[in-house]
Amino acid sequence: MKYSYSGWLTQVNIWGRVLTQEEIGALAGCHYDMEGDVMSWSGPWRHYDVKEEEIRLVELCTSVSRGRLTVPLPLLRYTDAVQVCLGLRGYIAVPTTKQQFLEEIGFFQDFVEGRWSKPKDSDDNTTLVATTAPVPSIYNGV
């Protein structure tokens, strides 16, 4: 098995902008259930050898009383974010080879196909570019 995860995972969302402190606080405090505009928790997911269970938001939010708590962290630079992650005994999984990079991109490719465009293609000028620049082998040791 290449990757392994054991535990609970919920409310995974990705936004095309930085959320405000108020939005982060409302999400963390379960006052608001805001879905990501790039990737949303209720969107299409691929499950591989996973037990899926539907839990109501009310029940999820009461998990704080069972010892789980969501703490929003401030926006950090990469090196600072790595230090915080290591301090919390976590790690940041990043692809180290071109093949791993392409596999990671492939997971989202079907979802974003036809959704993102070049910035000038939209009236509101808020769309994201879905193209992926080639990864020079100098950066990944290939």
Protein backbone atom coordinates (compact mmCIF):
# COMPACT_ATOMS: atom_id res chain seq x y z
CA MET A 1 0.00 0.00 0.00
CA LYS A 2 1.52 3.33 -1.07
CA TYR A 3 -0.45 5.54 1.29
CA SER A 4 -2.19 4.72 4.50
CA TYR A 5 -4.60 6.68 6.66
CA SER A 6 -6.39 5.51 9.74
CA GLY A 7 -8.91 7.78 11.38
CA TRP A 8 -11.86 10.01 10.67
CA LEU A 9 -11.93 12.47 7.82
CA THR A 10 -14.75 14.93 7.23
CA GLN A 11 -15.67 18.32 5.81
CA VAL A 12 -12.82 18.45 3.28
CA ASN A 13 -13.23 21.60 1.17
CA ILE A 14 -10.96 23.73 -0.99
CA TRP A 15 -11.74 27.36 -1.78
CA GLY A 16 -10.38 29.51 -4.58
CA ARG A 17 -9.70 32.32 -2.12
CA VAL A 18 -8.46 32.83 1.42
CA LEU A 19 -11.35 32.63 3.87
CA THR A 20 -11.89 35.50 6.28
CA GLN A 21 -11.22 35.02 9.99
CA GLU A 22 -14.99 35.24 10.57
CA GLU A 23 -15.69 32.47 8.04
CA ILE A 24 -12.98 30.25 9.54
CA GLY A 25 -14.34 30.83 13.04
CA ALA A 26 -17.91 30.09 11.92
CA LEU A 27 -16.83 26.86 10.21
CA ALA A 28 -14.69 25.73 13.16
CA GLY A 29 -17.50 26.53 15.59
CA CYS A 30 -20.04 24.65 13.45
CA HIS A 31 -22.13 27.79 13.03
CA TYR A 32 -22.00 27.58 9.26
CA ASP A 33 -21.62 24.72 6.76
CA MET A 34 -19.85 26.38 3.83
CA GLU A 35 -18.74 24.20 0.93
CA GLY A 36 -15.61 24.86 -1.09
CA ASP A 37 -15.96 26.32 -4.57
CA VAL A 38 -12.96 24.41 -5.97
CA MET A 39 -13.65 21.11 -4.23
CA SER A 40 -16.54 20.42 -1.90
CA TRP A 41 -17.16 17.72 0.67
CA SER A 42 -20.48 16.79 -0.97
CA GLY A 43 -18.87 16.57 -4.42
CA PRO A 44 -17.79 13.40 -6.24
CA TRP A 45 -15.18 11.32 -4.40
CA ARG A 46 -13.39 8.09 -5.20
CA HIS A 47 -13.33 5.65 -2.31
CA TYR A 48 -10.80 2.83 -2.17
CA ASP A 49 -11.21 0.27 0.61
CA VAL A 50 -12.92 2.85 2.83
CA LYS A 51 -15.90 2.57 5.12
CA GLU A 52 -18.18 5.51 4.42
CA GLU A 53 -20.58 6.75 7.07
CA GLU A 54 -22.98 9.68 6.95
CA ILE A 55 -22.97 11.79 10.13
CA ARG A 56 -25.25 14.77 10.67
CA LEU A 57 -23.50 18.11 11.19
CA VAL A 58 -25.13 18.49 14.62
CA GLU A 59 -23.58 15.20 15.75
CA LEU A 60 -20.25 16.10 14.20
CA CYS A 61 -20.19 19.43 16.03
CA THR A 62 -20.90 17.78 19.38
CA SER A 63 -17.63 15.86 18.93
CA VAL A 64 -15.93 18.82 20.65
CA SER A 65 -17.39 17.57 23.90
CA ARG A 66 -15.86 14.14 23.17
CA GLY A 67 -12.35 15.59 23.06
CA ARG A 68 -11.99 16.63 19.42
CA LEU A 69 -11.55 20.29 18.62
CA THR A 70 -10.88 22.20 15.40
CA VAL A 71 -8.40 25.00 15.88
CA PRO A 72 -7.94 27.42 12.98
CA LEU A 73 -4.29 28.36 12.55
CA PRO A 74 -3.07 31.68 11.15
CA LEU A 75 -1.85 31.90 7.56
CA LEU A 76 1.82 30.89 7.63
CA ARG A 77 4.73 30.79 5.24
CA TYR A 78 5.69 27.31 4.06
CA THR A 79 8.69 26.85 6.36
CA ASP A 80 6.69 28.05 9.37
CA ALA A 81 3.77 25.80 8.44
CA VAL A 82 6.14 22.81 8.26
CA GLN A 83 7.47 23.63 11.75
CA VAL A 84 3.93 23.86 13.16
CA CYS A 85 3.01 20.59 11.47
CA LEU A 86 6.09 18.83 12.85
CA GLY A 87 5.42 20.33 16.28
CA LEU A 88 1.95 18.74 16.17
CA ARG A 89 3.61 15.42 15.26
CA GLY A 90 2.24 15.55 11.74
CA TYR A 91 3.81 15.72 8.33
CA ILE A 92 3.11 17.26 4.96
CA ALA A 93 2.91 14.62 2.25
CA VAL A 94 4.30 15.94 -1.02
CA PRO A 95 5.22 14.09 -4.20
CA THR A 96 8.96 13.50 -4.53
CA THR A 97 9.02 12.10 -8.07
CA LYS A 98 7.47 13.13 -11.35
CA GLN A 99 5.34 9.94 -11.31
CA GLN A 100 3.97 10.71 -7.84
CA PHE A 101 3.24 14.28 -8.94
CA LEU A 102 1.26 13.06 -11.96
CA GLU A 103 -0.66 10.56 -9.80
CA GLU A 104 -1.63 13.29 -7.34
CA ILE A 105 -2.82 15.59 -10.14
CA GLY A 106 -4.77 12.75 -11.75
CA PHE A 107 -7.01 12.50 -8.69
CA PHE A 108 -8.45 15.99 -9.26
CA GLN A 109 -8.19 16.12 -13.06
CA ASP A 110 -11.64 14.63 -13.73
CA PHE A 111 -13.26 16.99 -11.24
CA VAL A 112 -11.76 20.19 -12.64
CA GLU A 113 -12.00 19.27 -16.32
CA GLY A 114 -13.91 22.04 -18.07
CA ARG A 115 -14.40 24.06 -14.87
CA TRP A 116 -11.27 26.18 -14.68
CA SER A 117 -10.01 28.51 -17.36
CA LYS A 118 -7.42 31.17 -17.93
CA PRO A 119 -8.00 34.30 -15.82
CA LYS A 120 -8.98 36.51 -18.78
CA ASP A 121 -11.67 34.03 -19.96
CA SER A 122 -14.15 35.12 -17.29
CA ASP A 123 -16.07 38.35 -16.76
CA ASP A 124 -15.50 38.26 -13.02
CA ASN A 125 -11.81 37.39 -13.50
CA THR A 126 -11.87 34.98 -10.56
CA THR A 127 -11.42 31.63 -12.29
CA LEU A 128 -8.29 29.59 -11.73
CA VAL A 129 -5.89 28.15 -14.25
CA ALA A 130 -6.15 24.38 -14.54
CA THR A 131 -3.01 23.86 -16.55
CA THR A 132 -0.06 22.21 -14.90
CA ALA A 133 3.43 23.36 -15.72
CA PRO A 134 5.95 20.61 -16.40
CA VAL A 135 8.07 19.78 -13.40
CA PRO A 136 11.76 20.20 -14.17
CA SER A 137 13.68 17.12 -13.10
CA ILE A 138 16.19 19.37 -11.36
CA TYR A 139 13.61 19.93 -8.58
CA ASN A 140 12.56 16.37 -7.89
CA GLY A 141 15.77 14.43 -8.37
CA VAL A 142 14.49 12.44 -11.37
